[in-house]
Amino acid sequence: MKNLKSTLVLSLLALFLIGIINPVMAGKKTIIFSTSEPTAKIFIDGKLMGNGQVEVVVLSNSCVTVRAEKVGFLIETITFCNKKESAKPPKSYYLEMHRDDAYDASVQTDIANIDIEIQTSLEELAAWKLMSQIITSYFDVIEVTDRETGYLRT
């Protein structure tokens, strides 16, 4: 009799839990999310979940934000929703990551932090203007210029 009661109570408890959990889990969608860079870090709702490819689970009536990042590439963010009023989430999603041109320009130069002495037949003001124009064609911004000492920092 006691075994029958405990079995009945456990069965009812299991049915109750299944009744609560099942509607949420029944409508879940799974997305295979992959990036063009196999070592890109993939974050789901702010938590690191893997590199290159992960499985994203979007529960019924909820949204998930996925962020992919890698040094030298632009950070990409996308939100997947599993709601009646939103578009149906895809079965798979491939993210083509794009190079960060500013990062490439900052690390690929071989003339950073180098003293350069220039011999010219131009007058000082014209030479300084020409040198500034040449340097700004390689760098976005000149941070400090001091014509008196001939100091220029990008």
C-alpha atoms as a PDB file:
ATOM      1  CA  MET A   1       0.000   0.000   0.000  1.00  0.00           C
ATOM      2  CA  LYS A   2       2.830   2.410   0.911  1.00  0.00           C
ATOM      3  CA  ASN A   3       4.680   1.506  -2.298  1.00  0.00           C
ATOM      4  CA  LEU A   4       1.549   2.155  -4.301  1.00  0.00           C
ATOM      5  CA  LYS A   5       1.063   5.572  -2.653  1.00  0.00           C
ATOM      6  CA  SER A   6       4.681   6.637  -3.190  1.00  0.00           C
ATOM      7  CA  THR A   7       4.594   5.418  -6.797  1.00  0.00           C
ATOM      8  CA  LEU A   8       1.363   7.309  -7.391  1.00  0.00           C
ATOM      9  CA  VAL A   9       2.773  10.498  -5.825  1.00  0.00           C
ATOM     10  CA  LEU A  10       5.984  10.253  -7.879  1.00  0.00           C
ATOM     11  CA  SER A  11       3.984   9.619 -11.051  1.00  0.00           C
ATOM     12  CA  LEU A  12       1.767  12.626 -10.427  1.00  0.00           C
ATOM     13  CA  LEU A  13       4.808  14.769  -9.654  1.00  0.00           C
ATOM     14  CA  ALA A  14       6.489  13.628 -12.880  1.00  0.00           C
ATOM     15  CA  LEU A  15       3.354  14.377 -14.897  1.00  0.00           C
ATOM     16  CA  PHE A  16       3.092  17.797 -13.264  1.00  0.00           C
ATOM     17  CA  LEU A  17       6.715  18.639 -14.108  1.00  0.00           C
ATOM     18  CA  ILE A  18       6.335  17.369 -17.659  1.00  0.00           C
ATOM     19  CA  GLY A  19       3.193  19.480 -17.998  1.00  0.00           C
ATOM     20  CA  ILE A  20       5.100  22.592 -16.929  1.00  0.00           C
ATOM     21  CA  ILE A  21       8.327  21.965 -18.847  1.00  0.00           C
ATOM     22  CA  ASN A  22       6.873  20.428 -21.993  1.00  0.00           C
ATOM     23  CA  PRO A  23       5.172  23.552 -23.440  1.00  0.00           C
ATOM     24  CA  VAL A  24       8.434  25.492 -23.144  1.00  0.00           C
ATOM     25  CA  MET A  25      10.604  22.710 -24.556  1.00  0.00           C
ATOM     26  CA  ALA A  26       8.074  21.574 -27.184  1.00  0.00           C
ATOM     27  CA  GLY A  27       8.490  24.705 -29.263  1.00  0.00           C
ATOM     28  CA  LYS A  28      12.262  24.975 -28.943  1.00  0.00           C
ATOM     29  CA  LYS A  29      14.311  25.490 -32.088  1.00  0.00           C
ATOM     30  CA  THR A  30      17.914  24.425 -32.597  1.00  0.00           C
ATOM     31  CA  ILE A  31      20.239  26.416 -34.860  1.00  0.00           C
ATOM     32  CA  ILE A  32      23.692  25.281 -35.989  1.00  0.00           C
ATOM     33  CA  PHE A  33      25.639  28.570 -35.871  1.00  0.00           C
ATOM     34  CA  SER A  34      29.029  28.656 -37.622  1.00  0.00           C
ATOM     35  CA  THR A  35      31.534  31.342 -38.583  1.00  0.00           C
ATOM     36  CA  SER A  36      34.021  31.758 -41.415  1.00  0.00           C
ATOM     37  CA  GLU A  37      36.800  31.865 -38.814  1.00  0.00           C
ATOM     38  CA  PRO A  38      37.186  28.524 -36.971  1.00  0.00           C
ATOM     39  CA  THR A  39      38.850  30.186 -33.965  1.00  0.00           C
ATOM     40  CA  ALA A  40      36.229  32.928 -33.531  1.00  0.00           C
ATOM     41  CA  LYS A  41      34.769  33.017 -30.023  1.00  0.00           C
ATOM     42  CA  ILE A  42      30.995  32.576 -29.961  1.00  0.00           C
ATOM     43  CA  PHE A  43      28.995  34.009 -27.073  1.00  0.00           C
ATOM     44  CA  ILE A  44      25.331  33.189 -26.432  1.00  0.00           C
ATOM     45  CA  ASP A  45      23.579  35.741 -24.225  1.00  0.00           C
ATOM     46  CA  GLY A  46      26.983  36.938 -22.997  1.00  0.00           C
ATOM     47  CA  LYS A  47      28.402  33.495 -22.145  1.00  0.00           C
ATOM     48  CA  LEU A  48      31.273  31.942 -24.109  1.00  0.00           C
ATOM     49  CA  MET A  49      29.866  28.759 -25.657  1.00  0.00           C
ATOM     50  CA  GLY A  50      32.574  27.697 -28.100  1.00  0.00           C
ATOM     51  CA  ASN A  51      34.710  28.496 -31.121  1.00  0.00           C
ATOM     52  CA  GLY A  52      33.822  28.359 -34.813  1.00  0.00           C
ATOM     53  CA  GLN A  53      30.576  26.407 -34.555  1.00  0.00           C
ATOM     54  CA  VAL A  54      28.010  25.946 -31.780  1.00  0.00           C
ATOM     55  CA  GLU A  55      24.471  24.684 -31.367  1.00  0.00           C
ATOM     56  CA  VAL A  56      22.082  27.469 -30.367  1.00  0.00           C
ATOM     57  CA  VAL A  57      18.830  26.495 -28.639  1.00  0.00           C
ATOM     58  CA  VAL A  58      16.004  29.043 -28.737  1.00  0.00           C
ATOM     59  CA  LEU A  59      13.157  28.152 -26.396  1.00  0.00           C
ATOM     60  CA  SER A  60       9.530  28.862 -27.232  1.00  0.00           C
ATOM     61  CA  ASN A  61       8.518  32.526 -26.844  1.00  0.00           C
ATOM     62  CA  SER A  62      12.085  33.725 -26.259  1.00  0.00           C
ATOM     63  CA  CYS A  63      15.043  35.324 -28.023  1.00  0.00           C
ATOM     64  CA  VAL A  64      18.764  34.547 -27.968  1.00  0.00           C
ATOM     65  CA  THR A  65      21.593  36.959 -28.819  1.00  0.00           C
ATOM     66  CA  VAL A  66      24.686  35.447 -30.440  1.00  0.00           C
ATOM     67  CA  ARG A  67      27.965  37.394 -30.690  1.00  0.00           C
ATOM     68  CA  ALA A  68      31.058  36.284 -32.623  1.00  0.00           C
ATOM     69  CA  GLU A  69      34.420  37.952 -32.124  1.00  0.00           C
ATOM     70  CA  LYS A  70      38.041  37.449 -33.096  1.00  0.00           C
ATOM     71  CA  VAL A  71      41.036  39.766 -32.895  1.00  0.00           C
ATOM     72  CA  GLY A  72      41.498  41.539 -36.223  1.00  0.00           C
ATOM     73  CA  PHE A  73      37.850  41.063 -37.238  1.00  0.00           C
ATOM     74  CA  LEU A  74      34.706  43.117 -36.691  1.00  0.00           C
ATOM     75  CA  ILE A  75      32.468  41.942 -33.843  1.00  0.00           C
ATOM     76  CA  GLU A  76      29.204  40.570 -35.230  1.00  0.00           C
ATOM     77  CA  THR A  77      25.954  40.242 -33.253  1.00  0.00           C
ATOM     78  CA  ILE A  78      22.684  38.594 -34.282  1.00  0.00           C
ATOM     79  CA  THR A  79      19.463  37.865 -32.403  1.00  0.00           C
ATOM     80  CA  PHE A  80      17.311  34.798 -33.062  1.00  0.00           C
ATOM     81  CA  CYS A  81      13.704  34.776 -31.809  1.00  0.00           C
ATOM     82  CA  ASN A  82      11.247  31.916 -31.504  1.00  0.00           C
ATOM     83  CA  LYS A  83       8.016  33.874 -31.169  1.00  0.00           C
ATOM     84  CA  LYS A  84       4.755  33.843 -33.115  1.00  0.00           C
ATOM     85  CA  GLU A  85       5.191  37.430 -34.343  1.00  0.00           C
ATOM     86  CA  SER A  86       8.815  36.991 -35.485  1.00  0.00           C
ATOM     87  CA  ALA A  87      10.403  35.161 -38.404  1.00  0.00           C
ATOM     88  CA  LYS A  88      11.031  31.451 -37.908  1.00  0.00           C
ATOM     89  CA  PRO A  89      14.657  30.774 -36.838  1.00  0.00           C
ATOM     90  CA  PRO A  90      16.791  29.014 -39.482  1.00  0.00           C
ATOM     91  CA  LYS A  91      18.075  25.450 -39.021  1.00  0.00           C
ATOM     92  CA  SER A  92      21.622  26.681 -39.648  1.00  0.00           C
ATOM     93  CA  TYR A  93      23.278  30.087 -39.849  1.00  0.00           C
ATOM     94  CA  TYR A  94      26.688  30.858 -41.390  1.00  0.00           C
ATOM     95  CA  LEU A  95      28.358  34.137 -40.435  1.00  0.00           C
ATOM     96  CA  GLU A  96      30.993  35.539 -42.786  1.00  0.00           C
ATOM     97  CA  MET A  97      33.321  37.560 -40.563  1.00  0.00           C
ATOM     98  CA  HIS A  98      34.855  40.729 -42.025  1.00  0.00           C
ATOM     99  CA  ARG A  99      38.400  41.983 -41.449  1.00  0.00           C
ATOM    100  CA  ASP A 100      38.802  45.125 -39.331  1.00  0.00           C
ATOM    101  CA  ASP A 101      40.641  47.552 -41.620  1.00  0.00           C
ATOM    102  CA  ALA A 102      41.592  49.828 -38.724  1.00  0.00           C
ATOM    103  CA  TYR A 103      43.253  46.906 -36.923  1.00  0.00           C
ATOM    104  CA  ASP A 104      45.100  45.872 -40.080  1.00  0.00           C
ATOM    105  CA  ALA A 105      46.355  49.421 -40.650  1.00  0.00           C
ATOM    106  CA  SER A 106      47.575  49.739 -37.076  1.00  0.00           C
ATOM    107  CA  VAL A 107      49.556  46.503 -36.912  1.00  0.00           C
ATOM    108  CA  GLN A 108      50.856  46.160 -40.454  1.00  0.00           C
ATOM    109  CA  THR A 109      52.912  49.311 -40.611  1.00  0.00           C
ATOM    110  CA  ASP A 110      56.670  48.999 -40.374  1.00  0.00           C
ATOM    111  CA  ILE A 111      57.241  52.723 -39.859  1.00  0.00           C
ATOM    112  CA  ALA A 112      55.629  53.090 -36.427  1.00  0.00           C
ATOM    113  CA  ASN A 113      57.815  54.455 -33.614  1.00  0.00           C
ATOM    114  CA  ILE A 114      60.714  55.224 -35.922  1.00  0.00           C
ATOM    115  CA  ASP A 115      62.715  58.452 -36.126  1.00  0.00           C
ATOM    116  CA  ILE A 116      63.013  59.636 -39.711  1.00  0.00           C
ATOM    117  CA  GLU A 117      65.369  62.368 -40.864  1.00  0.00           C
ATOM    118  CA  ILE A 118      64.402  64.084 -44.092  1.00  0.00           C
ATOM    119  CA  GLN A 119      66.730  66.066 -46.344  1.00  0.00           C
ATOM    120  CA  THR A 120      64.851  68.520 -48.560  1.00  0.00           C
ATOM    121  CA  SER A 121      65.398  71.538 -50.731  1.00  0.00           C
ATOM    122  CA  LEU A 122      61.928  72.872 -49.868  1.00  0.00           C
ATOM    123  CA  GLU A 123      61.423  75.619 -47.332  1.00  0.00           C
ATOM    124  CA  GLU A 124      60.453  74.463 -43.828  1.00  0.00           C
ATOM    125  CA  LEU A 125      56.710  75.226 -44.005  1.00  0.00           C
ATOM    126  CA  ALA A 126      56.249  73.567 -47.416  1.00  0.00           C
ATOM    127  CA  ALA A 127      58.273  70.510 -46.336  1.00  0.00           C
ATOM    128  CA  TRP A 128      56.250  70.165 -43.107  1.00  0.00           C
ATOM    129  CA  LYS A 129      52.964  70.403 -45.036  1.00  0.00           C
ATOM    130  CA  LEU A 130      54.083  67.801 -47.601  1.00  0.00           C
ATOM    131  CA  MET A 131      55.275  65.418 -44.881  1.00  0.00           C
ATOM    132  CA  SER A 132      51.948  65.776 -43.012  1.00  0.00           C
ATOM    133  CA  GLN A 133      50.012  64.986 -46.198  1.00  0.00           C
ATOM    134  CA  ILE A 134      52.110  61.896 -46.884  1.00  0.00           C
ATOM    135  CA  ILE A 135      51.712  60.594 -43.328  1.00  0.00           C
ATOM    136  CA  THR A 136      47.945  61.152 -43.246  1.00  0.00           C
ATOM    137  CA  SER A 137      47.660  59.012 -46.383  1.00  0.00           C
ATOM    138  CA  TYR A 138      48.937  56.079 -44.246  1.00  0.00           C
ATOM    139  CA  PHE A 139      47.336  56.946 -40.882  1.00  0.00           C
ATOM    140  CA  ASP A 140      43.814  58.151 -40.090  1.00  0.00           C
ATOM    141  CA  VAL A 141      44.757  60.845 -37.577  1.00  0.00           C
ATOM    142  CA  ILE A 142      47.833  62.829 -36.583  1.00  0.00           C
ATOM    143  CA  GLU A 143      47.666  63.027 -32.795  1.00  0.00           C
ATOM    144  CA  VAL A 144      50.465  65.496 -32.041  1.00  0.00           C
ATOM    145  CA  THR A 145      52.414  67.847 -34.284  1.00  0.00           C
ATOM    146  CA  ASP A 146      55.139  70.230 -33.237  1.00  0.00           C
ATOM    147  CA  ARG A 147      56.787  71.964 -36.158  1.00  0.00           C
ATOM    148  CA  GLU A 148      59.326  73.722 -33.925  1.00  0.00           C
ATOM    149  CA  THR A 149      60.901  70.440 -32.799  1.00  0.00           C
ATOM    150  CA  GLY A 150      59.908  68.448 -35.879  1.00  0.00           C
ATOM    151  CA  TYR A 151      57.872  65.988 -33.792  1.00  0.00           C
ATOM    152  CA  LEU A 152      54.858  64.237 -35.243  1.00  0.00           C
ATOM    153  CA  ARG A 153      52.868  61.389 -33.620  1.00  0.00           C
ATOM    154  CA  THR A 154      50.033  59.436 -35.176  1.00  0.00           C
END
